[in-house]
């Protein structure tokens, strides 16, 4: 089954949101996990571009920014758990 453009873009935004929402679940046993929320500002530009319908060439930069977001979120989450 094909999702189509609009649903694929919504899926991207949803997956990004779930990554941050999951910090709340982890924080119930490891409060330091909330340090990962510091990466939230990095999520706004790529999600906004995707939801605004950025054409394919601009999605290449979105891919790069998503990678940086994942790296920052993972590093902050790890640091928060280790420090707390």
PDB file of N, CA and C in Angstrom:
ATOM      1  N   UNK A   1       0.833  -1.173   0.000  1.00  0.00           N
ATOM      2  CA  UNK A   1       0.000   0.000   0.000  1.00  0.00           C
ATOM      3  C   UNK A   1       0.882   1.242   0.000  1.00  0.00           C
ATOM      4  N   UNK A   2       0.527   2.201  -0.791  1.00  0.00           N
ATOM      5  CA  UNK A   2       1.274   3.441  -0.868  1.00  0.00           C
ATOM      6  C   UNK A   2       0.629   4.486   0.031  1.00  0.00           C
ATOM      7  N   UNK A   3       1.459   5.242   0.707  1.00  0.00           N
ATOM      8  CA  UNK A   3       0.948   6.271   1.597  1.00  0.00           C
ATOM      9  C   UNK A   3       0.597   7.554   0.856  1.00  0.00           C
ATOM     10  N   UNK A   4       1.384   7.894  -0.127  1.00  0.00           N
ATOM     11  CA  UNK A   4       1.178   9.153  -0.827  1.00  0.00           C
ATOM     12  C   UNK A   4       1.957  10.269  -0.141  1.00  0.00           C
ATOM     13  N   UNK A   5       2.008  11.396  -0.809  1.00  0.00           N
ATOM     14  CA  UNK A   5       2.834  12.504  -0.350  1.00  0.00           C
ATOM     15  C   UNK A   5       2.381  13.062   0.998  1.00  0.00           C
ATOM     16  N   UNK A   6       1.139  13.414   1.123  1.00  0.00           N
ATOM     17  CA  UNK A   6       0.647  14.067   2.347  1.00  0.00           C
ATOM     18  C   UNK A   6       0.788  13.153   3.567  1.00  0.00           C
ATOM     19  N   UNK A   7       0.435  11.899   3.419  1.00  0.00           N
ATOM     20  CA  UNK A   7       0.520  10.984   4.566  1.00  0.00           C
ATOM     21  C   UNK A   7       1.966  10.650   4.922  1.00  0.00           C
ATOM     22  N   UNK A   8       2.839  10.603   3.929  1.00  0.00           N
ATOM     23  CA  UNK A   8       4.247  10.349   4.206  1.00  0.00           C
ATOM     24  C   UNK A   8       4.845  11.515   4.982  1.00  0.00           C
ATOM     25  N   UNK A   9       4.466  12.716   4.610  1.00  0.00           N
ATOM     26  CA  UNK A   9       4.950  13.901   5.321  1.00  0.00           C
ATOM     27  C   UNK A   9       4.415  13.917   6.752  1.00  0.00           C
ATOM     28  N   UNK A  10       3.176  13.541   6.945  1.00  0.00           N
ATOM     29  CA  UNK A  10       2.605  13.464   8.289  1.00  0.00           C
ATOM     30  C   UNK A  10       3.298  12.371   9.104  1.00  0.00           C
ATOM     31  N   UNK A  11       3.654  11.279   8.464  1.00  0.00           N
ATOM     32  CA  UNK A  11       4.362  10.193   9.139  1.00  0.00           C
ATOM     33  C   UNK A  11       5.722  10.666   9.630  1.00  0.00           C
ATOM     34  N   UNK A  12       6.421  11.427   8.808  1.00  0.00           N
ATOM     35  CA  UNK A  12       7.723  11.975   9.210  1.00  0.00           C
ATOM     36  C   UNK A  12       7.561  12.824  10.471  1.00  0.00           C
ATOM     37  N   UNK A  13       6.598  13.726  10.451  1.00  0.00           N
ATOM     38  CA  UNK A  13       6.360  14.592  11.607  1.00  0.00           C
ATOM     39  C   UNK A  13       5.959  13.763  12.826  1.00  0.00           C
ATOM     40  N   UNK A  14       5.131  12.769  12.614  1.00  0.00           N
ATOM     41  CA  UNK A  14       4.696  11.909  13.712  1.00  0.00           C
ATOM     42  C   UNK A  14       5.839  11.131  14.326  1.00  0.00           C
ATOM     43  N   UNK A  15       6.700  10.588  13.495  1.00  0.00           N
ATOM     44  CA  UNK A  15       7.847   9.829  14.012  1.00  0.00           C
ATOM     45  C   UNK A  15       8.784  10.731  14.804  1.00  0.00           C
ATOM     46  N   UNK A  16       8.964  11.949  14.335  1.00  0.00           N
ATOM     47  CA  UNK A  16       9.801  12.896  15.064  1.00  0.00           C
ATOM     48  C   UNK A  16       9.160  13.229  16.412  1.00  0.00           C
ATOM     49  N   UNK A  17       7.860  13.424  16.411  1.00  0.00           N
ATOM     50  CA  UNK A  17       7.155  13.709  17.655  1.00  0.00           C
ATOM     51  C   UNK A  17       7.208  12.551  18.637  1.00  0.00           C
ATOM     52  N   UNK A  18       7.089  11.342  18.130  1.00  0.00           N
ATOM     53  CA  UNK A  18       7.140  10.154  19.002  1.00  0.00           C
ATOM     54  C   UNK A  18       8.509  10.020  19.652  1.00  0.00           C
ATOM     55  N   UNK A  19       9.552  10.390  18.935  1.00  0.00           N
ATOM     56  CA  UNK A  19      10.896  10.320  19.516  1.00  0.00           C
ATOM     57  C   UNK A  19      10.990  11.199  20.764  1.00  0.00           C
ATOM     58  N   UNK A  20      10.405  12.388  20.688  1.00  0.00           N
ATOM     59  CA  UNK A  20      10.444  13.280  21.844  1.00  0.00           C
ATOM     60  C   UNK A  20       9.439  12.865  22.911  1.00  0.00           C
ATOM     61  N   UNK A  21       8.300  12.366  22.515  1.00  0.00           N
ATOM     62  CA  UNK A  21       7.310  11.907  23.488  1.00  0.00           C
ATOM     63  C   UNK A  21       7.838  10.710  24.280  1.00  0.00           C
ATOM     64  N   UNK A  22       8.633   9.883  23.645  1.00  0.00           N
ATOM     65  CA  UNK A  22       9.174   8.712  24.331  1.00  0.00           C
ATOM     66  C   UNK A  22      10.129   9.103  25.454  1.00  0.00           C
ATOM     67  N   UNK A  23      10.677  10.315  25.379  1.00  0.00           N
ATOM     68  CA  UNK A  23      11.531  10.766  26.482  1.00  0.00           C
ATOM     69  C   UNK A  23      10.746  10.819  27.781  1.00  0.00           C
ATOM     70  N   UNK A  24       9.483  11.152  27.695  1.00  0.00           N
ATOM     71  CA  UNK A  24       8.637  11.177  28.884  1.00  0.00           C
ATOM     72  C   UNK A  24       8.496   9.803  29.505  1.00  0.00           C
ATOM     73  N   UNK A  25       8.382   8.792  28.669  1.00  0.00           N
ATOM     74  CA  UNK A  25       8.281   7.422  29.188  1.00  0.00           C
ATOM     75  C   UNK A  25       9.578   6.986  29.850  1.00  0.00           C
ATOM     76  N   UNK A  26      10.690   7.305  29.211  1.00  0.00           N
ATOM     77  CA  UNK A  26      11.985   6.932  29.780  1.00  0.00           C
ATOM     78  C   UNK A  26      12.220   7.691  31.080  1.00  0.00           C
ATOM     79  N   UNK A  27      11.763   8.939  31.130  1.00  0.00           N
ATOM     80  CA  UNK A  27      11.994   9.781  32.306  1.00  0.00           C
ATOM     81  C   UNK A  27      11.257   9.293  33.550  1.00  0.00           C
ATOM     82  N   UNK A  28      10.268   8.423  33.390  1.00  0.00           N
ATOM     83  CA  UNK A  28       9.584   7.903  34.576  1.00  0.00           C
ATOM     84  C   UNK A  28      10.527   7.074  35.437  1.00  0.00           C
ATOM     85  N   UNK A  29      11.510   6.432  34.815  1.00  0.00           N
ATOM     86  CA  UNK A  29      12.486   5.667  35.588  1.00  0.00           C
ATOM     87  C   UNK A  29      13.867   6.315  35.585  1.00  0.00           C
ATOM     88  N   UNK A  30      14.135   7.155  34.606  1.00  0.00           N
ATOM     89  CA  UNK A  30      15.425   7.843  34.483  1.00  0.00           C
ATOM     90  C   UNK A  30      15.178   9.324  34.213  1.00  0.00           C
ATOM     91  N   UNK A  31      14.986  10.141  35.248  1.00  0.00           N
ATOM     92  CA  UNK A  31      14.640  11.554  35.041  1.00  0.00           C
ATOM     93  C   UNK A  31      15.644  12.330  34.207  1.00  0.00           C
ATOM     94  N   UNK A  32      16.880  11.899  34.192  1.00  0.00           N
ATOM     95  CA  UNK A  32      17.898  12.572  33.394  1.00  0.00           C
ATOM     96  C   UNK A  32      17.619  12.524  31.902  1.00  0.00           C
ATOM     97  N   UNK A  33      16.734  11.644  31.493  1.00  0.00           N
ATOM     98  CA  UNK A  33      16.401  11.519  30.071  1.00  0.00           C
ATOM     99  C   UNK A  33      15.786  12.792  29.519  1.00  0.00           C
ATOM    100  N   UNK A  34      15.223  13.607  30.382  1.00  0.00           N
ATOM    101  CA  UNK A  34      14.589  14.844  29.923  1.00  0.00           C
ATOM    102  C   UNK A  34      15.593  15.837  29.347  1.00  0.00           C
ATOM    103  N   UNK A  35      16.878  15.603  29.578  1.00  0.00           N
ATOM    104  CA  UNK A  35      17.914  16.442  28.959  1.00  0.00           C
ATOM    105  C   UNK A  35      17.798  16.364  27.436  1.00  0.00           C
ATOM    106  N   UNK A  36      17.292  15.252  26.934  1.00  0.00           N
ATOM    107  CA  UNK A  36      17.110  15.086  25.497  1.00  0.00           C
ATOM    108  C   UNK A  36      16.183  16.117  24.877  1.00  0.00           C
ATOM    109  N   UNK A  37      15.327  16.721  25.685  1.00  0.00           N
ATOM    110  CA  UNK A  37      14.418  17.748  25.173  1.00  0.00           C
ATOM    111  C   UNK A  37      15.170  18.974  24.660  1.00  0.00           C
ATOM    112  N   UNK A  38      16.426  19.114  25.052  1.00  0.00           N
ATOM    113  CA  UNK A  38      17.231  20.234  24.563  1.00  0.00           C
ATOM    114  C   UNK A  38      17.437  20.156  23.045  1.00  0.00           C
ATOM    115  N   UNK A  39      17.225  18.995  22.460  1.00  0.00           N
ATOM    116  CA  UNK A  39      17.362  18.839  21.008  1.00  0.00           C
ATOM    117  C   UNK A  39      16.101  19.264  20.256  1.00  0.00           C
ATOM    118  N   UNK A  40      15.055  19.570  20.969  1.00  0.00           N
ATOM    119  CA  UNK A  40      13.781  19.924  20.326  1.00  0.00           C
ATOM    120  C   UNK A  40      13.892  21.086  19.332  1.00  0.00           C
ATOM    121  N   UNK A  41      14.630  22.143  19.628  1.00  0.00           N
ATOM    122  CA  UNK A  41      14.737  23.224  18.635  1.00  0.00           C
ATOM    123  C   UNK A  41      15.331  22.776  17.296  1.00  0.00           C
ATOM    124  N   UNK A  42      16.134  21.720  17.314  1.00  0.00           N
ATOM    125  CA  UNK A  42      16.693  21.200  16.065  1.00  0.00           C
ATOM    126  C   UNK A  42      15.639  20.500  15.214  1.00  0.00           C
ATOM    127  N   UNK A  43      14.532  20.089  15.825  1.00  0.00           N
ATOM    128  CA  UNK A  43      13.490  19.360  15.107  1.00  0.00           C
ATOM    129  C   UNK A  43      12.550  20.288  14.349  1.00  0.00           C
ATOM    130  N   UNK A  44      12.441  21.509  14.800  1.00  0.00           N
ATOM    131  CA  UNK A  44      11.431  22.405  14.233  1.00  0.00           C
ATOM    132  C   UNK A  44      11.668  22.726  12.753  1.00  0.00           C
ATOM    133  N   UNK A  45      12.851  23.160  12.334  1.00  0.00           N
ATOM    134  CA  UNK A  45      13.018  23.508  10.912  1.00  0.00           C
ATOM    135  C   UNK A  45      12.772  22.354   9.929  1.00  0.00           C
ATOM    136  N   UNK A  46      13.335  21.152  10.166  1.00  0.00           N
ATOM    137  CA  UNK A  46      13.068  20.104   9.185  1.00  0.00           C
ATOM    138  C   UNK A  46      11.603  19.659   9.146  1.00  0.00           C
ATOM    139  N   UNK A  47      10.973  19.585  10.314  1.00  0.00           N
ATOM    140  CA  UNK A  47       9.559  19.186  10.339  1.00  0.00           C
ATOM    141  C   UNK A  47       8.709  20.246   9.637  1.00  0.00           C
ATOM    142  N   UNK A  48       9.025  21.505   9.876  1.00  0.00           N
ATOM    143  CA  UNK A  48       8.284  22.583   9.220  1.00  0.00           C
ATOM    144  C   UNK A  48       8.447  22.505   7.702  1.00  0.00           C
ATOM    145  N   UNK A  49       9.681  22.282   7.242  1.00  0.00           N
ATOM    146  CA  UNK A  49       9.917  22.168   5.796  1.00  0.00           C
ATOM    147  C   UNK A  49       9.121  21.019   5.191  1.00  0.00           C
ATOM    148  N   UNK A  50       9.131  19.884   5.853  1.00  0.00           N
ATOM    149  CA  UNK A  50       8.410  18.714   5.330  1.00  0.00           C
ATOM    150  C   UNK A  50       6.911  18.978   5.296  1.00  0.00           C
ATOM    151  N   UNK A  51       6.373  19.517   6.374  1.00  0.00           N
ATOM    152  CA  UNK A  51       4.926  19.752   6.428  1.00  0.00           C
ATOM    153  C   UNK A  51       4.473  20.863   5.485  1.00  0.00           C
ATOM    154  N   UNK A  52       5.372  21.785   5.165  1.00  0.00           N
ATOM    155  CA  UNK A  52       5.029  22.848   4.221  1.00  0.00           C
ATOM    156  C   UNK A  52       5.149  22.397   2.776  1.00  0.00           C
ATOM    157  N   UNK A  53       5.534  21.148   2.557  1.00  0.00           N
ATOM    158  CA  UNK A  53       5.577  20.597   1.208  1.00  0.00           C
ATOM    159  C   UNK A  53       6.846  20.881   0.442  1.00  0.00           C
ATOM    160  N   UNK A  54       7.974  20.897   1.127  1.00  0.00           N
ATOM    161  CA  UNK A  54       9.251  21.150   0.465  1.00  0.00           C
ATOM    162  C   UNK A  54       9.441  20.197  -0.708  1.00  0.00           C
ATOM    163  N   UNK A  55       9.903  20.714  -1.849  1.00  0.00           N
ATOM    164  CA  UNK A  55      10.145  19.843  -3.011  1.00  0.00           C
ATOM    165  C   UNK A  55      11.372  18.958  -2.782  1.00  0.00           C
ATOM    166  N   UNK A  56      11.530  17.976  -3.626  1.00  0.00           N
ATOM    167  CA  UNK A  56      12.574  16.963  -3.475  1.00  0.00           C
ATOM    168  C   UNK A  56      13.973  17.534  -3.234  1.00  0.00           C
ATOM    169  N   UNK A  57      14.437  18.530  -3.978  1.00  0.00           N
ATOM    170  CA  UNK A  57      15.799  19.023  -3.714  1.00  0.00           C
ATOM    171  C   UNK A  57      15.987  19.571  -2.293  1.00  0.00           C
ATOM    172  N   UNK A  58      14.977  20.203  -1.743  1.00  0.00           N
ATOM    173  CA  UNK A  58      15.086  20.712  -0.367  1.00  0.00           C
ATOM    174  C   UNK A  58      15.023  19.589   0.648  1.00  0.00           C
ATOM    175  N   UNK A  59      14.446  18.459   0.270  1.00  0.00           N
ATOM    176  CA  UNK A  59      14.370  17.334   1.202  1.00  0.00           C
ATOM    177  C   UNK A  59      15.740  16.722   1.467  1.00  0.00           C
ATOM    178  N   UNK A  60      16.693  16.978   0.585  1.00  0.00           N
ATOM    179  CA  UNK A  60      18.056  16.492   0.820  1.00  0.00           C
ATOM    180  C   UNK A  60      18.631  17.171   2.055  1.00  0.00           C
ATOM    181  N   UNK A  61      18.418  18.473   2.178  1.00  0.00           N
ATOM    182  CA  UNK A  61      18.911  19.171   3.369  1.00  0.00           C
ATOM    183  C   UNK A  61      18.127  18.735   4.611  1.00  0.00           C
ATOM    184  N   UNK A  62      16.853  18.422   4.435  1.00  0.00           N
ATOM    185  CA  UNK A  62      16.052  17.918   5.555  1.00  0.00           C
ATOM    186  C   UNK A  62      16.649  16.607   6.060  1.00  0.00           C
ATOM    187  N   UNK A  63      17.095  15.779   5.160  1.00  0.00           N
ATOM    188  CA  UNK A  63      17.710  14.514   5.545  1.00  0.00           C
ATOM    189  C   UNK A  63      18.956  14.750   6.387  1.00  0.00           C
ATOM    190  N   UNK A  64      19.781  15.694   5.975  1.00  0.00           N
ATOM    191  CA  UNK A  64      20.979  16.015   6.745  1.00  0.00           C
ATOM    192  C   UNK A  64      20.645  16.561   8.122  1.00  0.00           C
ATOM    193  N   UNK A  65      19.662  17.453   8.182  1.00  0.00           N
ATOM    194  CA  UNK A  65      19.268  18.025   9.471  1.00  0.00           C
ATOM    195  C   UNK A  65      18.627  16.975  10.372  1.00  0.00           C
ATOM    196  N   UNK A  66      17.943  16.019   9.780  1.00  0.00           N
ATOM    197  CA  UNK A  66      17.350  14.931  10.573  1.00  0.00           C
ATOM    198  C   UNK A  66      18.443  14.070  11.187  1.00  0.00           C
ATOM    199  N   UNK A  67      19.498  13.815  10.433  1.00  0.00           N
ATOM    200  CA  UNK A  67      20.631  13.064  10.977  1.00  0.00           C
ATOM    201  C   UNK A  67      21.279  13.779  12.146  1.00  0.00           C
ATOM    202  N   UNK A  68      21.454  15.098  12.017  1.00  0.00           N
ATOM    203  CA  UNK A  68      22.026  15.885  13.115  1.00  0.00           C
ATOM    204  C   UNK A  68      21.101  15.874  14.328  1.00  0.00           C
ATOM    205  N   UNK A  69      19.808  15.929  14.075  1.00  0.00           N
ATOM    206  CA  UNK A  69      18.826  15.863  15.159  1.00  0.00           C
ATOM    207  C   UNK A  69      18.928  14.530  15.890  1.00  0.00           C
ATOM    208  N   UNK A  70      19.003  13.446  15.141  1.00  0.00           N
ATOM    209  CA  UNK A  70      19.105  12.124  15.766  1.00  0.00           C
ATOM    210  C   UNK A  70      20.375  12.004  16.597  1.00  0.00           C
ATOM    211  N   UNK A  71      21.471  12.532  16.067  1.00  0.00           N
ATOM    212  CA  UNK A  71      22.734  12.485  16.791  1.00  0.00           C
ATOM    213  C   UNK A  71      22.653  13.299  18.077  1.00  0.00           C
ATOM    214  N   UNK A  72      22.102  14.501  17.987  1.00  0.00           N
ATOM    215  CA  UNK A  72      21.985  15.354  19.172  1.00  0.00           C
ATOM    216  C   UNK A  72      21.055  14.732  20.215  1.00  0.00           C
ATOM    217  N   UNK A  73      19.920  14.231  19.771  1.00  0.00           N
ATOM    218  CA  UNK A  73      18.978  13.617  20.709  1.00  0.00           C
ATOM    219  C   UNK A  73      19.606  12.406  21.392  1.00  0.00           C
ATOM    220  N   UNK A  74      20.255  11.566  20.625  1.00  0.00           N
ATOM    221  CA  UNK A  74      20.903  10.382  21.207  1.00  0.00           C
ATOM    222  C   UNK A  74      22.005  10.730  22.187  1.00  0.00           C
ATOM    223  N   UNK A  75      22.827  11.730  21.833  1.00  0.00           N
ATOM    224  CA  UNK A  75      23.924  12.142  22.710  1.00  0.00           C
ATOM    225  C   UNK A  75      23.393  12.768  23.993  1.00  0.00           C
ATOM    226  N   UNK A  76      22.388  13.636  23.867  1.00  0.00           N
ATOM    227  CA  UNK A  76      21.822  14.269  25.056  1.00  0.00           C
ATOM    228  C   UNK A  76      21.108  13.261  25.949  1.00  0.00           C
ATOM    229  N   UNK A  77      20.388  12.342  25.349  1.00  0.00           N
ATOM    230  CA  UNK A  77      19.692  11.308  26.122  1.00  0.00           C
ATOM    231  C   UNK A  77      20.713  10.453  26.885  1.00  0.00           C
ATOM    232  N   UNK A  78      21.762  10.051  26.206  1.00  0.00           N
ATOM    233  CA  UNK A  78      22.795   9.244  26.842  1.00  0.00           C
ATOM    234  C   UNK A  78      23.468  10.005  27.981  1.00  0.00           C
ATOM    235  N   UNK A  79      23.826  11.261  27.709  1.00  0.00           N
ATOM    236  CA  UNK A  79      24.476  12.071  28.735  1.00  0.00           C
ATOM    237  C   UNK A  79      23.549  12.266  29.932  1.00  0.00           C
ATOM    238  N   UNK A  80      22.279  12.543  29.675  1.00  0.00           N
ATOM    239  CA  UNK A  80      21.346  12.753  30.771  1.00  0.00           C
ATOM    240  C   UNK A  80      21.170  11.518  31.638  1.00  0.00           C
ATOM    241  N   UNK A  81      21.115  10.378  31.000  1.00  0.00           N
ATOM    242  CA  UNK A  81      20.956   9.137  31.769  1.00  0.00           C
ATOM    243  C   UNK A  81      22.221   8.823  32.570  1.00  0.00           C
ATOM    244  N   UNK A  82      23.385   9.058  31.970  1.00  0.00           N
ATOM    245  CA  UNK A  82      24.644   8.762  32.675  1.00  0.00           C
ATOM    246  C   UNK A  82      24.887   9.725  33.830  1.00  0.00           C
ATOM    247  N   UNK A  83      24.540  10.981  33.656  1.00  0.00           N
ATOM    248  CA  UNK A  83      24.800  11.978  34.695  1.00  0.00           C
ATOM    249  C   UNK A  83      23.827  11.842  35.859  1.00  0.00           C
ATOM    250  N   UNK A  84      22.558  11.577  35.543  1.00  0.00           N
ATOM    251  CA  UNK A  84      21.535  11.546  36.604  1.00  0.00           C
ATOM    252  C   UNK A  84      21.603  10.284  37.429  1.00  0.00           C
TER     253      UNK A  84
END
